[in-house]
Amino acid sequence: MTSAAVRQVRDRDPELPGRLLAEERDALIPLLRSRAEADFALPVAACPEWTVRDVLAHCSAALRRVVENRFEEGVFSPESNARDIAELAEWSHERVVDELERGMTEAGPLIARAGGWLDKLALGEWVHAGDVREALGAPGAYAGAALEYALPLLAHVTREAGHLPLHADLDDVDEPLRLGDASGQRPPARYIGDAATLVRLYAGRPLPDSGDGFELAGVEKGELNIFR
């Protein structure tokens, strides 16, 4: 495989975060509306102090801030996130899901115009959708059709952050993917495995019990986490 064949995401696509949110919205919202009320109280392994409802409230509130342009000092800190969840404590599950749907619909164009600093938020919303899917025992956590948008967005976010370079040969994606710093000043680490596990590593999510079917060289697993 020549270096020219490696997919590198160099230029920002401002529409990409919105496409990712819309793709996930169309899959996640019907799933949530089909679940029993008790399912919203299930614990979320990736966020040990939160339930499914808490994660959804956090996601709804974060997108609501984008839509309403509310970014005060300390926004998206653990303390700010806790306050956001508390503010929605009296809402019904149905209202939280409705608000999430609205946010996933309306935030995309605003993120596109923000110049890039909110791109990681869109990626985080999609990762949280994976957290919820896993808690509900639903298929497609950190995978599915939205990978078409999530992977190039992950590559872009890691490049813009100057994250360590990594060359990923993905079992379920045709082209290899280059993530992180593209300057060539440091040889890239290597990953071989499926895309969902790669997302888990970059998002700092627990690996499934069968999650040893990948190869990682030149970097420790904890170094990949972009949401620390």
C-alpha atoms as a PDB file:
ATOM      1  CA  MET A   1       0.000   0.000   0.000  1.00  0.00           C
ATOM      2  CA  THR A   2       1.553   3.309  -1.053  1.00  0.00           C
ATOM      3  CA  SER A   3       1.314   6.452   1.031  1.00  0.00           C
ATOM      4  CA  ALA A   4      -0.738   8.053  -1.744  1.00  0.00           C
ATOM      5  CA  ALA A   5      -3.470   5.477  -1.112  1.00  0.00           C
ATOM      6  CA  VAL A   6      -3.840   6.455   2.537  1.00  0.00           C
ATOM      7  CA  ARG A   7      -6.920   8.575   3.117  1.00  0.00           C
ATOM      8  CA  GLN A   8      -5.899  11.853   4.734  1.00  0.00           C
ATOM      9  CA  VAL A   9      -8.423  14.488   5.801  1.00  0.00           C
ATOM     10  CA  ARG A  10      -6.593  17.779   5.244  1.00  0.00           C
ATOM     11  CA  ASP A  11      -9.273  20.406   4.687  1.00  0.00           C
ATOM     12  CA  ARG A  12     -12.226  21.021   6.948  1.00  0.00           C
ATOM     13  CA  ASP A  13     -15.597  20.061   5.515  1.00  0.00           C
ATOM     14  CA  PRO A  14     -17.958  22.409   7.394  1.00  0.00           C
ATOM     15  CA  GLU A  15     -20.987  20.266   6.535  1.00  0.00           C
ATOM     16  CA  LEU A  16     -19.521  17.072   7.972  1.00  0.00           C
ATOM     17  CA  PRO A  17     -20.599  17.549  11.630  1.00  0.00           C
ATOM     18  CA  GLY A  18     -24.157  18.272  10.565  1.00  0.00           C
ATOM     19  CA  ARG A  19     -24.270  15.217   8.319  1.00  0.00           C
ATOM     20  CA  LEU A  20     -23.025  13.073  11.197  1.00  0.00           C
ATOM     21  CA  LEU A  21     -25.672  14.448  13.570  1.00  0.00           C
ATOM     22  CA  ALA A  22     -28.455  13.989  11.023  1.00  0.00           C
ATOM     23  CA  GLU A  23     -27.432  10.409  10.221  1.00  0.00           C
ATOM     24  CA  GLU A  24     -27.351   9.492  13.899  1.00  0.00           C
ATOM     25  CA  ARG A  25     -30.603  11.347  14.611  1.00  0.00           C
ATOM     26  CA  ASP A  26     -32.477   9.289  12.043  1.00  0.00           C
ATOM     27  CA  ALA A  27     -31.264   6.054  13.623  1.00  0.00           C
ATOM     28  CA  LEU A  28     -31.188   6.905  17.326  1.00  0.00           C
ATOM     29  CA  ILE A  29     -34.415   8.839  17.890  1.00  0.00           C
ATOM     30  CA  PRO A  30     -36.743   6.025  16.699  1.00  0.00           C
ATOM     31  CA  LEU A  31     -34.777   3.596  18.869  1.00  0.00           C
ATOM     32  CA  LEU A  32     -35.228   5.795  21.942  1.00  0.00           C
ATOM     33  CA  ARG A  33     -38.934   6.263  21.319  1.00  0.00           C
ATOM     34  CA  SER A  34     -39.395   2.502  21.160  1.00  0.00           C
ATOM     35  CA  ARG A  35     -37.866   1.836  24.587  1.00  0.00           C
ATOM     36  CA  ALA A  36     -39.642   1.349  27.894  1.00  0.00           C
ATOM     37  CA  GLU A  37     -39.346   4.022  30.574  1.00  0.00           C
ATOM     38  CA  ALA A  38     -37.209   1.734  32.746  1.00  0.00           C
ATOM     39  CA  ASP A  39     -34.522   1.642  30.051  1.00  0.00           C
ATOM     40  CA  PHE A  40     -33.744   5.319  30.640  1.00  0.00           C
ATOM     41  CA  ALA A  41     -32.565   4.453  34.167  1.00  0.00           C
ATOM     42  CA  LEU A  42     -29.978   1.930  32.953  1.00  0.00           C
ATOM     43  CA  PRO A  43     -26.341   2.696  33.853  1.00  0.00           C
ATOM     44  CA  VAL A  44     -23.895   3.729  31.151  1.00  0.00           C
ATOM     45  CA  ALA A  45     -20.550   1.937  31.350  1.00  0.00           C
ATOM     46  CA  ALA A  46     -18.641   4.727  29.586  1.00  0.00           C
ATOM     47  CA  CYS A  47     -20.012   7.357  31.997  1.00  0.00           C
ATOM     48  CA  PRO A  48     -20.209   5.498  35.331  1.00  0.00           C
ATOM     49  CA  GLU A  49     -22.051   8.246  37.222  1.00  0.00           C
ATOM     50  CA  TRP A  50     -24.719   8.696  34.546  1.00  0.00           C
ATOM     51  CA  THR A  51     -27.812   6.827  33.444  1.00  0.00           C
ATOM     52  CA  VAL A  52     -29.081   6.649  29.872  1.00  0.00           C
ATOM     53  CA  ARG A  53     -31.358   9.565  30.693  1.00  0.00           C
ATOM     54  CA  ASP A  54     -28.451  11.604  32.054  1.00  0.00           C
ATOM     55  CA  VAL A  55     -26.435  11.065  28.870  1.00  0.00           C
ATOM     56  CA  LEU A  56     -29.390  12.078  26.723  1.00  0.00           C
ATOM     57  CA  ALA A  57     -30.025  15.140  28.888  1.00  0.00           C
ATOM     58  CA  HIS A  58     -26.355  16.124  28.583  1.00  0.00           C
ATOM     59  CA  CYS A  59     -26.453  15.717  24.795  1.00  0.00           C
ATOM     60  CA  SER A  60     -29.714  17.646  24.524  1.00  0.00           C
ATOM     61  CA  ALA A  61     -28.387  20.477  26.671  1.00  0.00           C
ATOM     62  CA  ALA A  62     -25.096  20.709  24.784  1.00  0.00           C
ATOM     63  CA  LEU A  63     -26.835  21.013  21.431  1.00  0.00           C
ATOM     64  CA  ARG A  64     -29.322  23.446  22.912  1.00  0.00           C
ATOM     65  CA  ARG A  65     -26.406  25.673  23.873  1.00  0.00           C
ATOM     66  CA  VAL A  66     -25.219  25.606  20.264  1.00  0.00           C
ATOM     67  CA  VAL A  67     -28.669  26.472  18.948  1.00  0.00           C
ATOM     68  CA  GLU A  68     -29.119  29.288  21.490  1.00  0.00           C
ATOM     69  CA  ASN A  69     -25.483  30.471  21.303  1.00  0.00           C
ATOM     70  CA  ARG A  70     -24.923  30.153  25.066  1.00  0.00           C
ATOM     71  CA  PHE A  71     -21.264  29.594  25.856  1.00  0.00           C
ATOM     72  CA  GLU A  72     -20.473  31.151  29.198  1.00  0.00           C
ATOM     73  CA  GLU A  73     -17.144  30.688  30.976  1.00  0.00           C
ATOM     74  CA  GLY A  74     -16.611  27.095  32.046  1.00  0.00           C
ATOM     75  CA  VAL A  75     -19.109  25.673  29.581  1.00  0.00           C
ATOM     76  CA  PHE A  76     -18.826  21.895  28.995  1.00  0.00           C
ATOM     77  CA  SER A  77     -16.795  21.445  32.184  1.00  0.00           C
ATOM     78  CA  PRO A  78     -17.928  18.602  34.494  1.00  0.00           C
ATOM     79  CA  GLU A  79     -19.610  21.183  36.721  1.00  0.00           C
ATOM     80  CA  SER A  80     -21.395  22.794  33.784  1.00  0.00           C
ATOM     81  CA  ASN A  81     -22.509  19.411  32.474  1.00  0.00           C
ATOM     82  CA  ALA A  82     -23.899  18.469  35.886  1.00  0.00           C
ATOM     83  CA  ARG A  83     -25.892  21.703  36.032  1.00  0.00           C
ATOM     84  CA  ASP A  84     -27.244  21.114  32.538  1.00  0.00           C
ATOM     85  CA  ILE A  85     -28.451  17.645  33.511  1.00  0.00           C
ATOM     86  CA  ALA A  86     -30.009  18.959  36.703  1.00  0.00           C
ATOM     87  CA  GLU A  87     -31.907  21.640  34.798  1.00  0.00           C
ATOM     88  CA  LEU A  88     -33.636  18.929  32.784  1.00  0.00           C
ATOM     89  CA  ALA A  89     -34.382  16.743  35.804  1.00  0.00           C
ATOM     90  CA  GLU A  90     -38.095  17.527  35.782  1.00  0.00           C
ATOM     91  CA  TRP A  91     -38.509  16.914  32.074  1.00  0.00           C
ATOM     92  CA  SER A  92     -40.191  13.760  30.858  1.00  0.00           C
ATOM     93  CA  HIS A  93     -38.095  11.274  28.906  1.00  0.00           C
ATOM     94  CA  GLU A  94     -40.180  12.109  25.857  1.00  0.00           C
ATOM     95  CA  ARG A  95     -39.364  15.797  26.151  1.00  0.00           C
ATOM     96  CA  VAL A  96     -35.644  15.084  26.519  1.00  0.00           C
ATOM     97  CA  VAL A  97     -35.731  12.962  23.361  1.00  0.00           C
ATOM     98  CA  ASP A  98     -37.721  15.623  21.506  1.00  0.00           C
ATOM     99  CA  GLU A  99     -35.156  18.237  22.495  1.00  0.00           C
ATOM    100  CA  LEU A 100     -32.330  15.962  21.395  1.00  0.00           C
ATOM    101  CA  GLU A 101     -33.976  15.523  18.018  1.00  0.00           C
ATOM    102  CA  ARG A 102     -34.335  19.282  17.651  1.00  0.00           C
ATOM    103  CA  GLY A 103     -30.704  19.861  18.579  1.00  0.00           C
ATOM    104  CA  MET A 104     -29.411  17.214  16.189  1.00  0.00           C
ATOM    105  CA  THR A 105     -31.451  18.854  13.433  1.00  0.00           C
ATOM    106  CA  GLU A 106     -30.707  22.524  14.067  1.00  0.00           C
ATOM    107  CA  ALA A 107     -27.120  22.514  15.374  1.00  0.00           C
ATOM    108  CA  GLY A 108     -25.432  21.300  12.180  1.00  0.00           C
ATOM    109  CA  PRO A 109     -25.560  24.564  10.194  1.00  0.00           C
ATOM    110  CA  LEU A 110     -24.465  26.529  13.255  1.00  0.00           C
ATOM    111  CA  ILE A 111     -21.497  24.221  13.858  1.00  0.00           C
ATOM    112  CA  ALA A 112     -20.608  24.606  10.176  1.00  0.00           C
ATOM    113  CA  ARG A 113     -20.429  28.384  10.556  1.00  0.00           C
ATOM    114  CA  ALA A 114     -18.469  28.251  13.814  1.00  0.00           C
ATOM    115  CA  GLY A 115     -15.158  27.774  12.012  1.00  0.00           C
ATOM    116  CA  GLY A 116     -14.211  24.422  13.528  1.00  0.00           C
ATOM    117  CA  TRP A 117     -14.147  24.860  17.286  1.00  0.00           C
ATOM    118  CA  LEU A 118     -17.467  23.007  17.710  1.00  0.00           C
ATOM    119  CA  ASP A 119     -16.616  20.106  15.392  1.00  0.00           C
ATOM    120  CA  LYS A 120     -15.419  17.988  18.309  1.00  0.00           C
ATOM    121  CA  LEU A 121     -18.757  18.539  20.053  1.00  0.00           C
ATOM    122  CA  ALA A 122     -20.588  16.908  17.136  1.00  0.00           C
ATOM    123  CA  LEU A 123     -18.206  13.968  17.287  1.00  0.00           C
ATOM    124  CA  GLY A 124     -18.785  13.695  21.030  1.00  0.00           C
ATOM    125  CA  GLU A 125     -22.552  13.637  20.522  1.00  0.00           C
ATOM    126  CA  TRP A 126     -22.163  10.687  18.175  1.00  0.00           C
ATOM    127  CA  VAL A 127     -19.892   8.896  20.647  1.00  0.00           C
ATOM    128  CA  HIS A 128     -22.479   9.409  23.389  1.00  0.00           C
ATOM    129  CA  ALA A 129     -25.085   7.880  21.084  1.00  0.00           C
ATOM    130  CA  GLY A 130     -22.834   4.834  21.003  1.00  0.00           C
ATOM    131  CA  ASP A 131     -22.674   4.882  24.806  1.00  0.00           C
ATOM    132  CA  VAL A 132     -26.469   4.819  24.912  1.00  0.00           C
ATOM    133  CA  ARG A 133     -26.744   2.039  22.335  1.00  0.00           C
ATOM    134  CA  GLU A 134     -24.356  -0.097  24.351  1.00  0.00           C
ATOM    135  CA  ALA A 135     -26.252   0.533  27.591  1.00  0.00           C
ATOM    136  CA  LEU A 136     -29.508  -0.457  25.884  1.00  0.00           C
ATOM    137  CA  GLY A 137     -27.982  -3.578  24.362  1.00  0.00           C
ATOM    138  CA  ALA A 138     -28.737  -2.213  20.890  1.00  0.00           C
ATOM    139  CA  PRO A 139     -26.470  -2.961  17.915  1.00  0.00           C
ATOM    140  CA  GLY A 140     -24.326  -0.393  16.157  1.00  0.00           C
ATOM    141  CA  ALA A 141     -22.479   1.249  19.040  1.00  0.00           C
ATOM    142  CA  TYR A 142     -19.636   3.379  17.597  1.00  0.00           C
ATOM    143  CA  ALA A 143     -20.357   1.896  14.181  1.00  0.00           C
ATOM    144  CA  GLY A 144     -23.085   1.764  11.566  1.00  0.00           C
ATOM    145  CA  ALA A 145     -23.835   4.006   8.621  1.00  0.00           C
ATOM    146  CA  ALA A 146     -22.664   7.123  10.457  1.00  0.00           C
ATOM    147  CA  LEU A 147     -19.053   5.909  10.289  1.00  0.00           C
ATOM    148  CA  GLU A 148     -18.994   7.397   6.804  1.00  0.00           C
ATOM    149  CA  TYR A 149     -19.013  10.809   8.492  1.00  0.00           C
ATOM    150  CA  ALA A 150     -17.542   9.985  11.906  1.00  0.00           C
ATOM    151  CA  LEU A 151     -14.197   8.659  10.676  1.00  0.00           C
ATOM    152  CA  PRO A 152     -13.233  11.658   8.508  1.00  0.00           C
ATOM    153  CA  LEU A 153     -14.409  13.965  11.288  1.00  0.00           C
ATOM    154  CA  LEU A 154     -12.259  12.063  13.792  1.00  0.00           C
ATOM    155  CA  ALA A 155      -9.309  12.333  11.417  1.00  0.00           C
ATOM    156  CA  HIS A 156      -9.866  16.069  11.034  1.00  0.00           C
ATOM    157  CA  VAL A 157     -10.281  16.706  14.768  1.00  0.00           C
ATOM    158  CA  THR A 158      -7.111  14.789  15.631  1.00  0.00           C
ATOM    159  CA  ARG A 159      -5.164  16.566  12.907  1.00  0.00           C
ATOM    160  CA  GLU A 160      -6.282  20.005  14.055  1.00  0.00           C
ATOM    161  CA  ALA A 161      -5.341  19.112  17.636  1.00  0.00           C
ATOM    162  CA  GLY A 162      -1.855  17.985  16.574  1.00  0.00           C
ATOM    163  CA  HIS A 163      -2.597  14.591  18.065  1.00  0.00           C
ATOM    164  CA  LEU A 164       0.008  11.883  17.575  1.00  0.00           C
ATOM    165  CA  PRO A 165      -0.040  10.457  14.038  1.00  0.00           C
ATOM    166  CA  LEU A 166      -1.608   7.070  13.449  1.00  0.00           C
ATOM    167  CA  HIS A 167      -2.108   4.944  10.336  1.00  0.00           C
ATOM    168  CA  ALA A 168      -5.235   2.783  10.631  1.00  0.00           C
ATOM    169  CA  ASP A 169      -5.888  -0.265   8.460  1.00  0.00           C
ATOM    170  CA  LEU A 170      -9.569  -0.911   9.109  1.00  0.00           C
ATOM    171  CA  ASP A 171     -11.136  -4.327   8.599  1.00  0.00           C
ATOM    172  CA  ASP A 172     -14.509  -2.860   7.649  1.00  0.00           C
ATOM    173  CA  VAL A 173     -13.452   0.218   5.650  1.00  0.00           C
ATOM    174  CA  ASP A 174     -11.933   0.000   2.181  1.00  0.00           C
ATOM    175  CA  GLU A 175      -9.224   2.646   2.512  1.00  0.00           C
ATOM    176  CA  PRO A 176      -6.659   3.061   5.286  1.00  0.00           C
ATOM    177  CA  LEU A 177      -7.078   6.198   7.373  1.00  0.00           C
ATOM    178  CA  ARG A 178      -4.421   8.614   8.609  1.00  0.00           C
ATOM    179  CA  LEU A 179      -5.216  10.353  11.870  1.00  0.00           C
ATOM    180  CA  GLY A 180      -3.453  13.021  13.858  1.00  0.00           C
ATOM    181  CA  ASP A 181      -0.481  15.183  12.962  1.00  0.00           C
ATOM    182  CA  ALA A 182       0.196  14.985   9.236  1.00  0.00           C
ATOM    183  CA  SER A 183       3.493  16.911   9.283  1.00  0.00           C
ATOM    184  CA  GLY A 184       5.603  13.781   8.916  1.00  0.00           C
ATOM    185  CA  GLN A 185       7.883  14.843  11.764  1.00  0.00           C
ATOM    186  CA  ARG A 186       7.051  11.708  13.729  1.00  0.00           C
ATOM    187  CA  PRO A 187       6.529   8.236  12.284  1.00  0.00           C
ATOM    188  CA  PRO A 188       2.898   7.212  12.658  1.00  0.00           C
ATOM    189  CA  ALA A 189       1.705   4.565  15.057  1.00  0.00           C
ATOM    190  CA  ARG A 190      -0.183   1.667  13.475  1.00  0.00           C
ATOM    191  CA  TYR A 191      -3.625   0.225  14.118  1.00  0.00           C
ATOM    192  CA  ILE A 192      -5.137  -2.878  12.529  1.00  0.00           C
ATOM    193  CA  GLY A 193      -8.690  -3.810  13.461  1.00  0.00           C
ATOM    194  CA  ASP A 194     -12.307  -2.768  13.126  1.00  0.00           C
ATOM    195  CA  ALA A 195     -13.517   0.830  13.050  1.00  0.00           C
ATOM    196  CA  ALA A 196     -15.690   0.633  16.175  1.00  0.00           C
ATOM    197  CA  THR A 197     -12.725  -0.414  18.317  1.00  0.00           C
ATOM    198  CA  LEU A 198     -10.664   2.426  16.868  1.00  0.00           C
ATOM    199  CA  VAL A 199     -13.430   4.858  17.893  1.00  0.00           C
ATOM    200  CA  ARG A 200     -13.526   3.345  21.378  1.00  0.00           C
ATOM    201  CA  LEU A 201      -9.777   3.896  21.751  1.00  0.00           C
ATOM    202  CA  TYR A 202      -9.948   7.523  20.636  1.00  0.00           C
ATOM    203  CA  ALA A 203     -13.001   8.194  22.800  1.00  0.00           C
ATOM    204  CA  GLY A 204     -11.592   6.463  25.877  1.00  0.00           C
ATOM    205  CA  ARG A 205     -14.455   3.974  25.952  1.00  0.00           C
ATOM    206  CA  PRO A 206     -14.257   0.498  27.509  1.00  0.00           C
ATOM    207  CA  LEU A 207     -13.391  -2.255  25.095  1.00  0.00           C
ATOM    208  CA  PRO A 208     -15.843  -5.164  24.841  1.00  0.00           C
ATOM    209  CA  ASP A 209     -14.910  -8.519  26.316  1.00  0.00           C
ATOM    210  CA  SER A 210     -13.931  -9.609  22.809  1.00  0.00           C
ATOM    211  CA  GLY A 211     -12.022  -6.385  22.220  1.00  0.00           C
ATOM    212  CA  ASP A 212      -8.553  -7.892  21.890  1.00  0.00           C
ATOM    213  CA  GLY A 213      -8.873  -8.602  18.179  1.00  0.00           C
ATOM    214  CA  PHE A 214      -6.827  -5.619  17.082  1.00  0.00           C
ATOM    215  CA  GLU A 215      -3.185  -4.652  16.776  1.00  0.00           C
ATOM    216  CA  LEU A 216      -1.748  -1.370  18.048  1.00  0.00           C
ATOM    217  CA  ALA A 217       1.926  -0.481  17.693  1.00  0.00           C
ATOM    218  CA  GLY A 218       3.942   2.631  18.455  1.00  0.00           C
ATOM    219  CA  VAL A 219       1.495   4.051  21.001  1.00  0.00           C
ATOM    220  CA  GLU A 220      -0.179   3.050  24.276  1.00  0.00           C
ATOM    221  CA  LYS A 221      -3.977   2.756  24.264  1.00  0.00           C
ATOM    222  CA  GLY A 222      -4.436   5.576  26.770  1.00  0.00           C
ATOM    223  CA  GLU A 223      -2.498   8.031  24.605  1.00  0.00           C
ATOM    224  CA  LEU A 224      -5.200   7.997  21.930  1.00  0.00           C
ATOM    225  CA  ASN A 225      -8.014   9.358  24.106  1.00  0.00           C
ATOM    226  CA  ILE A 226      -9.086  12.784  22.798  1.00  0.00           C
ATOM    227  CA  PHE A 227     -11.833  13.364  25.395  1.00  0.00           C
ATOM    228  CA  ARG A 228      -9.766  13.299  28.563  1.00  0.00           C
END
